[in-house]
């Protein structure tokens, strides 16, 4: 558990998978953003904003960063996918999906969100 105590004017900046992502809709249960135990709670742009609002934070920015194309594709295609290491194939598939990542990061369909909130 992480407890953050900030004075007024303090910032919280981090990233988290986005449940509104295009790759989540395509891959379903094989989506790479489902990474237990790291991603126990998942968010989209709206519920992340609402969560911070409840705790008296103001949104500075929420932007897309990258998607989980390779991990999702690997999860879909390979049994015991959690036990395989990344390698050259990871790089090549990531490169192949880069144009799609650029386009989805301009919308709410990105796989991962970078966010910054400021304590009121």
PDB file of N, CA and C in Angstrom:
ATOM      1  N   UNK A   1       0.837  -1.168   0.000  1.00  0.00           N
ATOM      2  CA  UNK A   1       0.000   0.000   0.000  1.00  0.00           C
ATOM      3  C   UNK A   1       0.884   1.234   0.000  1.00  0.00           C
ATOM      4  N   UNK A   2       0.496   2.219  -0.792  1.00  0.00           N
ATOM      5  CA  UNK A   2       1.220   3.478  -0.857  1.00  0.00           C
ATOM      6  C   UNK A   2       0.332   4.566  -0.282  1.00  0.00           C
ATOM      7  N   UNK A   3       0.862   5.329   0.629  1.00  0.00           N
ATOM      8  CA  UNK A   3       0.143   6.463   1.200  1.00  0.00           C
ATOM      9  C   UNK A   3       0.923   7.713   0.842  1.00  0.00           C
ATOM     10  N   UNK A   4       0.238   8.633   0.199  1.00  0.00           N
ATOM     11  CA  UNK A   4       0.881   9.877  -0.220  1.00  0.00           C
ATOM     12  C   UNK A   4       0.270  11.020   0.582  1.00  0.00           C
ATOM     13  N   UNK A   5       1.103  11.737   1.305  1.00  0.00           N
ATOM     14  CA  UNK A   5       0.653  12.903   2.051  1.00  0.00           C
ATOM     15  C   UNK A   5       1.359  14.108   1.447  1.00  0.00           C
ATOM     16  N   UNK A   6       0.567  15.016   0.888  1.00  0.00           N
ATOM     17  CA  UNK A   6       1.133  16.188   0.239  1.00  0.00           C
ATOM     18  C   UNK A   6       0.553  17.456   0.828  1.00  0.00           C
ATOM     19  N   UNK A   7       1.381  18.468   0.900  1.00  0.00           N
ATOM     20  CA  UNK A   7       0.896  19.796   1.250  1.00  0.00           C
ATOM     21  C   UNK A   7       0.198  20.385   0.037  1.00  0.00           C
ATOM     22  N   UNK A   8      -0.554  21.423   0.261  1.00  0.00           N
ATOM     23  CA  UNK A   8      -1.189  22.137  -0.836  1.00  0.00           C
ATOM     24  C   UNK A   8      -0.118  22.558  -1.846  1.00  0.00           C
ATOM     25  N   UNK A   9      -0.385  22.325  -3.120  1.00  0.00           N
ATOM     26  CA  UNK A   9       0.577  22.662  -4.169  1.00  0.00           C
ATOM     27  C   UNK A   9       1.495  21.523  -4.552  1.00  0.00           C
ATOM     28  N   UNK A  10       1.443  20.404  -3.829  1.00  0.00           N
ATOM     29  CA  UNK A  10       2.279  19.246  -4.164  1.00  0.00           C
ATOM     30  C   UNK A  10       1.747  18.509  -5.383  1.00  0.00           C
ATOM     31  N   UNK A  11       2.612  17.759  -6.045  1.00  0.00           N
ATOM     32  CA  UNK A  11       2.255  17.056  -7.277  1.00  0.00           C
ATOM     33  C   UNK A  11       2.362  15.544  -7.116  1.00  0.00           C
ATOM     34  N   UNK A  12       1.501  14.823  -7.831  1.00  0.00           N
ATOM     35  CA  UNK A  12       1.607  13.379  -7.982  1.00  0.00           C
ATOM     36  C   UNK A  12       1.730  13.117  -9.475  1.00  0.00           C
ATOM     37  N   UNK A  13       2.765  12.395  -9.882  1.00  0.00           N
ATOM     38  CA  UNK A  13       2.977  12.051 -11.291  1.00  0.00           C
ATOM     39  C   UNK A  13       3.311  10.568 -11.372  1.00  0.00           C
ATOM     40  N   UNK A  14       2.663   9.871 -12.297  1.00  0.00           N
ATOM     41  CA  UNK A  14       2.896   8.434 -12.443  1.00  0.00           C
ATOM     42  C   UNK A  14       2.285   7.971 -13.759  1.00  0.00           C
ATOM     43  N   UNK A  15       2.226   6.671 -13.938  1.00  0.00           N
ATOM     44  CA  UNK A  15       1.536   6.119 -15.103  1.00  0.00           C
ATOM     45  C   UNK A  15       0.809   4.845 -14.693  1.00  0.00           C
ATOM     46  N   UNK A  16      -0.199   4.493 -15.483  1.00  0.00           N
ATOM     47  CA  UNK A  16      -1.011   3.317 -15.199  1.00  0.00           C
ATOM     48  C   UNK A  16      -1.664   2.847 -16.495  1.00  0.00           C
ATOM     49  N   UNK A  17      -1.961   1.555 -16.621  1.00  0.00           N
ATOM     50  CA  UNK A  17      -2.686   1.091 -17.799  1.00  0.00           C
ATOM     51  C   UNK A  17      -4.064   1.755 -17.893  1.00  0.00           C
ATOM     52  N   UNK A  18      -4.554   1.916 -19.101  1.00  0.00           N
ATOM     53  CA  UNK A  18      -5.870   2.510 -19.337  1.00  0.00           C
ATOM     54  C   UNK A  18      -6.833   1.441 -19.829  1.00  0.00           C
ATOM     55  N   UNK A  19      -7.945   1.285 -19.116  1.00  0.00           N
ATOM     56  CA  UNK A  19      -8.928   0.277 -19.527  1.00  0.00           C
ATOM     57  C   UNK A  19      -9.705   0.687 -20.774  1.00  0.00           C
ATOM     58  N   UNK A  20      -9.524   1.912 -21.239  1.00  0.00           N
ATOM     59  CA  UNK A  20     -10.163   2.359 -22.483  1.00  0.00           C
ATOM     60  C   UNK A  20      -9.310   2.078 -23.712  1.00  0.00           C
ATOM     61  N   UNK A  21      -8.234   1.334 -23.567  1.00  0.00           N
ATOM     62  CA  UNK A  21      -7.280   1.173 -24.664  1.00  0.00           C
ATOM     63  C   UNK A  21      -7.792   0.270 -25.784  1.00  0.00           C
ATOM     64  N   UNK A  22      -7.360   0.591 -26.981  1.00  0.00           N
ATOM     65  CA  UNK A  22      -7.713  -0.194 -28.161  1.00  0.00           C
ATOM     66  C   UNK A  22      -7.188  -1.614 -28.045  1.00  0.00           C
ATOM     67  N   UNK A  23      -5.957  -1.781 -27.579  1.00  0.00           N
ATOM     68  CA  UNK A  23      -5.399  -3.127 -27.471  1.00  0.00           C
ATOM     69  C   UNK A  23      -6.142  -3.965 -26.431  1.00  0.00           C
ATOM     70  N   UNK A  24      -6.718  -3.364 -25.398  1.00  0.00           N
ATOM     71  CA  UNK A  24      -7.523  -4.125 -24.427  1.00  0.00           C
ATOM     72  C   UNK A  24      -8.797  -4.644 -25.084  1.00  0.00           C
ATOM     73  N   UNK A  25      -9.432  -3.791 -25.908  1.00  0.00           N
ATOM     74  CA  UNK A  25     -10.645  -4.225 -26.601  1.00  0.00           C
ATOM     75  C   UNK A  25     -10.353  -5.355 -27.590  1.00  0.00           C
ATOM     76  N   UNK A  26      -9.199  -5.304 -28.225  1.00  0.00           N
ATOM     77  CA  UNK A  26      -8.846  -6.330 -29.222  1.00  0.00           C
ATOM     78  C   UNK A  26      -8.459  -7.643 -28.548  1.00  0.00           C
ATOM     79  N   UNK A  27      -7.623  -7.593 -27.505  1.00  0.00           N
ATOM     80  CA  UNK A  27      -7.071  -8.817 -26.919  1.00  0.00           C
ATOM     81  C   UNK A  27      -7.842  -9.353 -25.714  1.00  0.00           C
ATOM     82  N   UNK A  28      -8.768  -8.568 -25.149  1.00  0.00           N
ATOM     83  CA  UNK A  28      -9.576  -9.052 -24.035  1.00  0.00           C
ATOM     84  C   UNK A  28      -8.743  -9.543 -22.865  1.00  0.00           C
ATOM     85  N   UNK A  29      -8.988 -10.788 -22.447  1.00  0.00           N
ATOM     86  CA  UNK A  29      -8.297 -11.320 -21.260  1.00  0.00           C
ATOM     87  C   UNK A  29      -6.787 -11.494 -21.464  1.00  0.00           C
ATOM     88  N   UNK A  30      -6.302 -11.399 -22.684  1.00  0.00           N
ATOM     89  CA  UNK A  30      -4.867 -11.528 -22.961  1.00  0.00           C
ATOM     90  C   UNK A  30      -4.136 -10.179 -22.957  1.00  0.00           C
ATOM     91  N   UNK A  31      -4.855  -9.111 -22.677  1.00  0.00           N
ATOM     92  CA  UNK A  31      -4.274  -7.774 -22.694  1.00  0.00           C
ATOM     93  C   UNK A  31      -3.072  -7.683 -21.760  1.00  0.00           C
ATOM     94  N   UNK A  32      -2.002  -7.073 -22.218  1.00  0.00           N
ATOM     95  CA  UNK A  32      -0.771  -6.943 -21.443  1.00  0.00           C
ATOM     96  C   UNK A  32      -0.876  -6.028 -20.237  1.00  0.00           C
ATOM     97  N   UNK A  33      -1.903  -5.187 -20.167  1.00  0.00           N
ATOM     98  CA  UNK A  33      -2.093  -4.306 -19.012  1.00  0.00           C
ATOM     99  C   UNK A  33      -2.563  -5.046 -17.770  1.00  0.00           C
ATOM    100  N   UNK A  34      -3.099  -6.267 -17.961  1.00  0.00           N
ATOM    101  CA  UNK A  34      -3.467  -7.091 -16.809  1.00  0.00           C
ATOM    102  C   UNK A  34      -2.189  -7.735 -16.296  1.00  0.00           C
ATOM    103  N   UNK A  35      -1.557  -7.096 -15.373  1.00  0.00           N
ATOM    104  CA  UNK A  35      -0.265  -7.576 -14.887  1.00  0.00           C
ATOM    105  C   UNK A  35      -0.322  -7.689 -13.374  1.00  0.00           C
ATOM    106  N   UNK A  36      -0.928  -8.763 -12.905  1.00  0.00           N
ATOM    107  CA  UNK A  36      -1.048  -8.991 -11.470  1.00  0.00           C
ATOM    108  C   UNK A  36       0.315  -9.402 -10.909  1.00  0.00           C
ATOM    109  N   UNK A  37       0.759  -8.931  -9.794  1.00  0.00           N
ATOM    110  CA  UNK A  37       0.068  -8.091  -8.813  1.00  0.00           C
ATOM    111  C   UNK A  37       0.324  -6.602  -8.980  1.00  0.00           C
ATOM    112  N   UNK A  38       1.103  -6.196  -9.967  1.00  0.00           N
ATOM    113  CA  UNK A  38       1.419  -4.771 -10.129  1.00  0.00           C
ATOM    114  C   UNK A  38       0.183  -3.939 -10.449  1.00  0.00           C
ATOM    115  N   UNK A  39      -0.673  -4.430 -11.302  1.00  0.00           N
ATOM    116  CA  UNK A  39      -1.846  -3.662 -11.730  1.00  0.00           C
ATOM    117  C   UNK A  39      -3.109  -4.262 -11.120  1.00  0.00           C
ATOM    118  N   UNK A  40      -3.223  -4.158  -9.816  1.00  0.00           N
ATOM    119  CA  UNK A  40      -4.376  -4.707  -9.101  1.00  0.00           C
ATOM    120  C   UNK A  40      -5.623  -3.869  -9.353  1.00  0.00           C
ATOM    121  N   UNK A  41      -5.467  -2.562  -9.408  1.00  0.00           N
ATOM    122  CA  UNK A  41      -6.572  -1.652  -9.693  1.00  0.00           C
ATOM    123  C   UNK A  41      -6.308  -1.001 -11.035  1.00  0.00           C
ATOM    124  N   UNK A  42      -7.316  -1.015 -11.899  1.00  0.00           N
ATOM    125  CA  UNK A  42      -7.161  -0.452 -13.237  1.00  0.00           C
ATOM    126  C   UNK A  42      -8.082   0.741 -13.415  1.00  0.00           C
ATOM    127  N   UNK A  43      -7.640   1.682 -14.228  1.00  0.00           N
ATOM    128  CA  UNK A  43      -8.344   2.949 -14.385  1.00  0.00           C
ATOM    129  C   UNK A  43      -8.533   3.295 -15.852  1.00  0.00           C
ATOM    130  N   UNK A  44      -9.463   4.218 -16.078  1.00  0.00           N
ATOM    131  CA  UNK A  44      -9.536   4.920 -17.349  1.00  0.00           C
ATOM    132  C   UNK A  44      -9.415   6.406 -17.024  1.00  0.00           C
ATOM    133  N   UNK A  45      -9.449   7.230 -18.040  1.00  0.00           N
ATOM    134  CA  UNK A  45      -9.234   8.660 -17.837  1.00  0.00           C
ATOM    135  C   UNK A  45     -10.260   9.263 -16.859  1.00  0.00           C
ATOM    136  N   UNK A  46     -11.514   8.855 -16.982  1.00  0.00           N
ATOM    137  CA  UNK A  46     -12.573   9.437 -16.153  1.00  0.00           C
ATOM    138  C   UNK A  46     -12.488   9.011 -14.689  1.00  0.00           C
ATOM    139  N   UNK A  47     -12.362   7.692 -14.440  1.00  0.00           N
ATOM    140  CA  UNK A  47     -12.362   7.288 -13.033  1.00  0.00           C
ATOM    141  C   UNK A  47     -11.061   7.669 -12.319  1.00  0.00           C
ATOM    142  N   UNK A  48      -9.959   7.803 -13.055  1.00  0.00           N
ATOM    143  CA  UNK A  48      -8.721   8.298 -12.449  1.00  0.00           C
ATOM    144  C   UNK A  48      -8.897   9.757 -12.030  1.00  0.00           C
ATOM    145  N   UNK A  49      -9.484  10.538 -12.912  1.00  0.00           N
ATOM    146  CA  UNK A  49      -9.745  11.945 -12.604  1.00  0.00           C
ATOM    147  C   UNK A  49     -10.694  12.070 -11.406  1.00  0.00           C
ATOM    148  N   UNK A  50     -11.744  11.253 -11.369  1.00  0.00           N
ATOM    149  CA  UNK A  50     -12.694  11.286 -10.253  1.00  0.00           C
ATOM    150  C   UNK A  50     -12.035  10.897  -8.931  1.00  0.00           C
ATOM    151  N   UNK A  51     -11.174   9.884  -8.965  1.00  0.00           N
ATOM    152  CA  UNK A  51     -10.484   9.454  -7.748  1.00  0.00           C
ATOM    153  C   UNK A  51      -9.656  10.587  -7.154  1.00  0.00           C
ATOM    154  N   UNK A  52      -8.875  11.253  -7.985  1.00  0.00           N
ATOM    155  CA  UNK A  52      -8.044  12.345  -7.481  1.00  0.00           C
ATOM    156  C   UNK A  52      -8.887  13.546  -7.059  1.00  0.00           C
ATOM    157  N   UNK A  53      -9.997  13.781  -7.742  1.00  0.00           N
ATOM    158  CA  UNK A  53     -10.895  14.878  -7.373  1.00  0.00           C
ATOM    159  C   UNK A  53     -11.435  14.680  -5.956  1.00  0.00           C
ATOM    160  N   UNK A  54     -11.810  13.447  -5.630  1.00  0.00           N
ATOM    161  CA  UNK A  54     -12.329  13.131  -4.295  1.00  0.00           C
ATOM    162  C   UNK A  54     -11.317  13.508  -3.211  1.00  0.00           C
ATOM    163  N   UNK A  55     -10.046  13.335  -3.507  1.00  0.00           N
ATOM    164  CA  UNK A  55      -8.991  13.635  -2.540  1.00  0.00           C
ATOM    165  C   UNK A  55      -8.396  15.030  -2.720  1.00  0.00           C
ATOM    166  N   UNK A  56      -9.178  15.899  -3.373  1.00  0.00           N
ATOM    167  CA  UNK A  56      -8.849  17.318  -3.476  1.00  0.00           C
ATOM    168  C   UNK A  56      -7.608  17.604  -4.332  1.00  0.00           C
ATOM    169  N   UNK A  57      -7.515  16.914  -5.465  1.00  0.00           N
ATOM    170  CA  UNK A  57      -6.446  17.168  -6.430  1.00  0.00           C
ATOM    171  C   UNK A  57      -7.040  17.771  -7.702  1.00  0.00           C
ATOM    172  N   UNK A  58      -6.259  18.561  -8.384  1.00  0.00           N
ATOM    173  CA  UNK A  58      -6.644  19.147  -9.665  1.00  0.00           C
ATOM    174  C   UNK A  58      -5.825  18.465 -10.763  1.00  0.00           C
ATOM    175  N   UNK A  59      -6.490  18.083 -11.852  1.00  0.00           N
ATOM    176  CA  UNK A  59      -5.787  17.442 -12.965  1.00  0.00           C
ATOM    177  C   UNK A  59      -4.924  18.470 -13.684  1.00  0.00           C
ATOM    178  N   UNK A  60      -3.661  18.126 -13.858  1.00  0.00           N
ATOM    179  CA  UNK A  60      -2.758  18.926 -14.676  1.00  0.00           C
ATOM    180  C   UNK A  60      -2.730  18.327 -16.085  1.00  0.00           C
ATOM    181  N   UNK A  61      -2.517  17.019 -16.164  1.00  0.00           N
ATOM    182  CA  UNK A  61      -2.550  16.361 -17.482  1.00  0.00           C
ATOM    183  C   UNK A  61      -2.740  14.856 -17.331  1.00  0.00           C
ATOM    184  N   UNK A  62      -3.397  14.284 -18.335  1.00  0.00           N
ATOM    185  CA  UNK A  62      -3.478  12.834 -18.505  1.00  0.00           C
ATOM    186  C   UNK A  62      -3.241  12.607 -19.997  1.00  0.00           C
ATOM    187  N   UNK A  63      -2.165  11.898 -20.319  1.00  0.00           N
ATOM    188  CA  UNK A  63      -1.795  11.667 -21.721  1.00  0.00           C
ATOM    189  C   UNK A  63      -1.471  10.190 -21.938  1.00  0.00           C
ATOM    190  N   UNK A  64      -1.556   9.780 -23.174  1.00  0.00           N
ATOM    191  CA  UNK A  64      -1.155   8.426 -23.527  1.00  0.00           C
ATOM    192  C   UNK A  64       0.352   8.316 -23.603  1.00  0.00           C
ATOM    193  N   UNK A  65       0.862   7.119 -23.347  1.00  0.00           N
ATOM    194  CA  UNK A  65       2.301   6.939 -23.464  1.00  0.00           C
ATOM    195  C   UNK A  65       2.658   5.780 -24.384  1.00  0.00           C
ATOM    196  N   UNK A  66       2.121   4.610 -24.152  1.00  0.00           N
ATOM    197  CA  UNK A  66       2.405   3.468 -25.016  1.00  0.00           C
ATOM    198  C   UNK A  66       1.298   2.452 -24.831  1.00  0.00           C
ATOM    199  N   UNK A  67       1.308   1.431 -25.662  1.00  0.00           N
ATOM    200  CA  UNK A  67       0.321   0.357 -25.564  1.00  0.00           C
ATOM    201  C   UNK A  67       1.027  -0.960 -25.303  1.00  0.00           C
ATOM    202  N   UNK A  68       0.257  -1.988 -25.110  1.00  0.00           N
ATOM    203  CA  UNK A  68       0.794  -3.304 -24.755  1.00  0.00           C
ATOM    204  C   UNK A  68       0.651  -4.290 -25.911  1.00  0.00           C
ATOM    205  N   UNK A  69       0.893  -3.829 -27.129  1.00  0.00           N
ATOM    206  CA  UNK A  69       0.673  -4.671 -28.300  1.00  0.00           C
ATOM    207  C   UNK A  69       1.486  -5.955 -28.241  1.00  0.00           C
ATOM    208  N   UNK A  70       2.774  -5.822 -28.000  1.00  0.00           N
ATOM    209  CA  UNK A  70       3.633  -7.014 -28.025  1.00  0.00           C
ATOM    210  C   UNK A  70       3.236  -7.999 -26.936  1.00  0.00           C
ATOM    211  N   UNK A  71       3.105  -7.502 -25.720  1.00  0.00           N
ATOM    212  CA  UNK A  71       2.795  -8.394 -24.595  1.00  0.00           C
ATOM    213  C   UNK A  71       1.438  -9.046 -24.797  1.00  0.00           C
ATOM    214  N   UNK A  72       0.469  -8.270 -25.278  1.00  0.00           N
ATOM    215  CA  UNK A  72      -0.866  -8.821 -25.528  1.00  0.00           C
ATOM    216  C   UNK A  72      -0.829  -9.884 -26.620  1.00  0.00           C
ATOM    217  N   UNK A  73      -0.110  -9.608 -27.699  1.00  0.00           N
ATOM    218  CA  UNK A  73       0.011 -10.578 -28.793  1.00  0.00           C
ATOM    219  C   UNK A  73       0.723 -11.838 -28.316  1.00  0.00           C
ATOM    220  N   UNK A  74       1.766 -11.665 -27.542  1.00  0.00           N
ATOM    221  CA  UNK A  74       2.495 -12.811 -26.998  1.00  0.00           C
ATOM    222  C   UNK A  74       1.604 -13.621 -26.049  1.00  0.00           C
ATOM    223  N   UNK A  75       0.856 -12.937 -25.202  1.00  0.00           N
ATOM    224  CA  UNK A  75      -0.068 -13.622 -24.297  1.00  0.00           C
ATOM    225  C   UNK A  75      -1.085 -14.451 -25.072  1.00  0.00           C
ATOM    226  N   UNK A  76      -1.563 -13.905 -26.171  1.00  0.00           N
ATOM    227  CA  UNK A  76      -2.571 -14.581 -26.985  1.00  0.00           C
ATOM    228  C   UNK A  76      -2.002 -15.812 -27.703  1.00  0.00           C
ATOM    229  N   UNK A  77      -0.770 -15.693 -28.172  1.00  0.00           N
ATOM    230  CA  UNK A  77      -0.193 -16.741 -29.026  1.00  0.00           C
ATOM    231  C   UNK A  77       0.560 -17.836 -28.287  1.00  0.00           C
ATOM    232  N   UNK A  78       1.023 -17.577 -27.073  1.00  0.00           N
ATOM    233  CA  UNK A  78       1.882 -18.564 -26.412  1.00  0.00           C
ATOM    234  C   UNK A  78       1.297 -19.077 -25.103  1.00  0.00           C
ATOM    235  N   UNK A  79       1.378 -20.377 -24.879  1.00  0.00           N
ATOM    236  CA  UNK A  79       0.980 -20.901 -23.573  1.00  0.00           C
ATOM    237  C   UNK A  79       2.032 -20.525 -22.528  1.00  0.00           C
ATOM    238  N   UNK A  80       1.637 -20.426 -21.290  1.00  0.00           N
ATOM    239  CA  UNK A  80       2.554 -20.044 -20.202  1.00  0.00           C
ATOM    240  C   UNK A  80       3.288 -18.755 -20.528  1.00  0.00           C
ATOM    241  N   UNK A  81       2.554 -17.785 -21.075  1.00  0.00           N
ATOM    242  CA  UNK A  81       3.164 -16.555 -21.573  1.00  0.00           C
ATOM    243  C   UNK A  81       3.881 -15.751 -20.498  1.00  0.00           C
ATOM    244  N   UNK A  82       3.548 -15.895 -19.241  1.00  0.00           N
ATOM    245  CA  UNK A  82       4.199 -15.132 -18.182  1.00  0.00           C
ATOM    246  C   UNK A  82       5.629 -15.565 -17.923  1.00  0.00           C
ATOM    247  N   UNK A  83       6.038 -16.701 -18.478  1.00  0.00           N
ATOM    248  CA  UNK A  83       7.362 -17.245 -18.186  1.00  0.00           C
ATOM    249  C   UNK A  83       8.367 -17.030 -19.309  1.00  0.00           C
ATOM    250  N   UNK A  84       7.947 -16.375 -20.373  1.00  0.00           N
ATOM    251  CA  UNK A  84       8.846 -16.147 -21.511  1.00  0.00           C
ATOM    252  C   UNK A  84       9.507 -14.778 -21.398  1.00  0.00           C
ATOM    253  N   UNK A  85      10.788 -14.693 -21.774  1.00  0.00           N
ATOM    254  CA  UNK A  85      11.516 -13.424 -21.717  1.00  0.00           C
ATOM    255  C   UNK A  85      11.338 -12.667 -23.029  1.00  0.00           C
ATOM    256  N   UNK A  86      11.529 -11.344 -22.952  1.00  0.00           N
ATOM    257  CA  UNK A  86      11.480 -10.499 -24.139  1.00  0.00           C
ATOM    258  C   UNK A  86      12.822 -10.574 -24.852  1.00  0.00           C
ATOM    259  N   UNK A  87      12.795 -10.342 -26.151  1.00  0.00           N
ATOM    260  CA  UNK A  87      14.026 -10.367 -26.907  1.00  0.00           C
ATOM    261  C   UNK A  87      13.898  -9.541 -28.165  1.00  0.00           C
ATOM    262  N   UNK A  88      14.540  -9.983 -29.237  1.00  0.00           N
ATOM    263  CA  UNK A  88      14.512  -9.278 -30.509  1.00  0.00           C
ATOM    264  C   UNK A  88      13.091  -9.174 -31.053  1.00  0.00           C
ATOM    265  N   UNK A  89      12.292 -10.225 -30.860  1.00  0.00           N
ATOM    266  CA  UNK A  89      10.913 -10.208 -31.341  1.00  0.00           C
ATOM    267  C   UNK A  89      10.120  -9.079 -30.678  1.00  0.00           C
ATOM    268  N   UNK A  90      10.360  -8.838 -29.386  1.00  0.00           N
ATOM    269  CA  UNK A  90       9.713  -7.737 -28.681  1.00  0.00           C
ATOM    270  C   UNK A  90      10.013  -6.417 -29.384  1.00  0.00           C
ATOM    271  N   UNK A  91      11.270  -6.189 -29.705  1.00  0.00           N
ATOM    272  CA  UNK A  91      11.684  -4.955 -30.379  1.00  0.00           C
ATOM    273  C   UNK A  91      11.012  -4.825 -31.744  1.00  0.00           C
ATOM    274  N   UNK A  92      11.011  -5.904 -32.533  1.00  0.00           N
ATOM    275  CA  UNK A  92      10.445  -5.843 -33.881  1.00  0.00           C
ATOM    276  C   UNK A  92       8.938  -5.596 -33.873  1.00  0.00           C
ATOM    277  N   UNK A  93       8.211  -6.275 -32.994  1.00  0.00           N
ATOM    278  CA  UNK A  93       6.763  -6.074 -32.934  1.00  0.00           C
ATOM    279  C   UNK A  93       6.449  -4.687 -32.401  1.00  0.00           C
ATOM    280  N   UNK A  94       7.214  -4.216 -31.426  1.00  0.00           N
ATOM    281  CA  UNK A  94       7.022  -2.862 -30.909  1.00  0.00           C
ATOM    282  C   UNK A  94       7.252  -1.843 -32.018  1.00  0.00           C
ATOM    283  N   UNK A  95       8.275  -2.046 -32.809  1.00  0.00           N
ATOM    284  CA  UNK A  95       8.554  -1.165 -33.941  1.00  0.00           C
ATOM    285  C   UNK A  95       7.413  -1.207 -34.956  1.00  0.00           C
ATOM    286  N   UNK A  96       6.909  -2.389 -35.231  1.00  0.00           N
ATOM    287  CA  UNK A  96       5.810  -2.563 -36.176  1.00  0.00           C
ATOM    288  C   UNK A  96       4.552  -1.817 -35.720  1.00  0.00           C
ATOM    289  N   UNK A  97       4.273  -1.847 -34.427  1.00  0.00           N
ATOM    290  CA  UNK A  97       3.073  -1.207 -33.894  1.00  0.00           C
ATOM    291  C   UNK A  97       3.274   0.271 -33.543  1.00  0.00           C
ATOM    292  N   UNK A  98       4.461   0.812 -33.741  1.00  0.00           N
ATOM    293  CA  UNK A  98       4.724   2.213 -33.397  1.00  0.00           C
ATOM    294  C   UNK A  98       3.775   3.203 -34.067  1.00  0.00           C
ATOM    295  N   UNK A  99       3.480   3.074 -35.364  1.00  0.00           N
ATOM    296  CA  UNK A  99       2.521   4.019 -35.965  1.00  0.00           C
ATOM    297  C   UNK A  99       1.140   3.959 -35.308  1.00  0.00           C
ATOM    298  N   UNK A 100       0.694   2.765 -34.942  1.00  0.00           N
ATOM    299  CA  UNK A 100      -0.599   2.627 -34.268  1.00  0.00           C
ATOM    300  C   UNK A 100      -0.530   3.271 -32.892  1.00  0.00           C
ATOM    301  N   UNK A 101       0.590   3.077 -32.186  1.00  0.00           N
ATOM    302  CA  UNK A 101       0.776   3.714 -30.875  1.00  0.00           C
ATOM    303  C   UNK A 101       0.690   5.234 -30.973  1.00  0.00           C
ATOM    304  N   UNK A 102       1.332   5.793 -31.965  1.00  0.00           N
ATOM    305  CA  UNK A 102       1.324   7.253 -32.132  1.00  0.00           C
ATOM    306  C   UNK A 102      -0.105   7.747 -32.333  1.00  0.00           C
ATOM    307  N   UNK A 103      -0.867   7.056 -33.156  1.00  0.00           N
ATOM    308  CA  UNK A 103      -2.255   7.461 -33.422  1.00  0.00           C
ATOM    309  C   UNK A 103      -3.125   7.288 -32.177  1.00  0.00           C
ATOM    310  N   UNK A 104      -3.018   6.144 -31.505  1.00  0.00           N
ATOM    311  CA  UNK A 104      -3.867   5.914 -30.327  1.00  0.00           C
ATOM    312  C   UNK A 104      -3.497   6.830 -29.162  1.00  0.00           C
ATOM    313  N   UNK A 105      -2.255   7.262 -29.075  1.00  0.00           N
ATOM    314  CA  UNK A 105      -1.860   8.160 -27.991  1.00  0.00           C
ATOM    315  C   UNK A 105      -2.454   9.558 -28.145  1.00  0.00           C
ATOM    316  N   UNK A 106      -2.945   9.879 -29.337  1.00  0.00           N
ATOM    317  CA  UNK A 106      -3.605  11.164 -29.552  1.00  0.00           C
ATOM    318  C   UNK A 106      -5.079  11.106 -29.164  1.00  0.00           C
ATOM    319  N   UNK A 107      -5.572   9.930 -28.841  1.00  0.00           N
ATOM    320  CA  UNK A 107      -6.974   9.743 -28.477  1.00  0.00           C
ATOM    321  C   UNK A 107      -7.051   9.152 -27.071  1.00  0.00           C
ATOM    322  N   UNK A 108      -8.250   8.706 -26.678  1.00  0.00           N
ATOM    323  CA  UNK A 108      -8.387   8.050 -25.371  1.00  0.00           C
ATOM    324  C   UNK A 108      -8.169   6.551 -25.486  1.00  0.00           C
ATOM    325  N   UNK A 109      -7.706   6.072 -26.636  1.00  0.00           N
ATOM    326  CA  UNK A 109      -7.554   4.638 -26.864  1.00  0.00           C
ATOM    327  C   UNK A 109      -6.161   4.115 -26.532  1.00  0.00           C
ATOM    328  N   UNK A 110      -5.316   4.921 -25.926  1.00  0.00           N
ATOM    329  CA  UNK A 110      -3.950   4.514 -25.613  1.00  0.00           C
ATOM    330  C   UNK A 110      -3.937   3.458 -24.512  1.00  0.00           C
ATOM    331  N   UNK A 111      -2.922   2.610 -24.512  1.00  0.00           N
ATOM    332  CA  UNK A 111      -2.836   1.515 -23.557  1.00  0.00           C
ATOM    333  C   UNK A 111      -2.395   1.935 -22.171  1.00  0.00           C
ATOM    334  N   UNK A 112      -1.603   2.962 -22.081  1.00  0.00           N
ATOM    335  CA  UNK A 112      -1.060   3.406 -20.811  1.00  0.00           C
ATOM    336  C   UNK A 112      -1.238   4.922 -20.696  1.00  0.00           C
ATOM    337  N   UNK A 113      -1.493   5.399 -19.478  1.00  0.00           N
ATOM    338  CA  UNK A 113      -1.682   6.829 -19.251  1.00  0.00           C
ATOM    339  C   UNK A 113      -0.574   7.380 -18.359  1.00  0.00           C
ATOM    340  N   UNK A 114       0.004   8.491 -18.747  1.00  0.00           N
ATOM    341  CA  UNK A 114       0.860   9.277 -17.860  1.00  0.00           C
ATOM    342  C   UNK A 114      -0.035  10.358 -17.266  1.00  0.00           C
ATOM    343  N   UNK A 115       0.091  10.577 -15.965  1.00  0.00           N
ATOM    344  CA  UNK A 115      -0.763  11.594 -15.355  1.00  0.00           C
ATOM    345  C   UNK A 115       0.005  12.434 -14.353  1.00  0.00           C
ATOM    346  N   UNK A 116      -0.484  13.682 -14.207  1.00  0.00           N
ATOM    347  CA  UNK A 116       0.028  14.606 -13.207  1.00  0.00           C
ATOM    348  C   UNK A 116      -1.177  15.296 -12.573  1.00  0.00           C
ATOM    349  N   UNK A 117      -1.220  15.260 -11.237  1.00  0.00           N
ATOM    350  CA  UNK A 117      -2.252  15.940 -10.468  1.00  0.00           C
ATOM    351  C   UNK A 117      -1.577  16.818  -9.427  1.00  0.00           C
ATOM    352  N   UNK A 118      -2.259  17.924  -9.096  1.00  0.00           N
ATOM    353  CA  UNK A 118      -1.727  18.873  -8.114  1.00  0.00           C
ATOM    354  C   UNK A 118      -2.701  18.968  -6.948  1.00  0.00           C
ATOM    355  N   UNK A 119      -2.162  18.916  -5.731  1.00  0.00           N
ATOM    356  CA  UNK A 119      -2.980  19.040  -4.522  1.00  0.00           C
ATOM    357  C   UNK A 119      -3.481  20.481  -4.409  1.00  0.00           C
ATOM    358  N   UNK A 120      -4.798  20.637  -4.216  1.00  0.00           N
ATOM    359  CA  UNK A 120      -5.386  21.982  -4.091  1.00  0.00           C
ATOM    360  C   UNK A 120      -5.043  22.596  -2.747  1.00  0.00           C
TER     361      UNK A 120
END
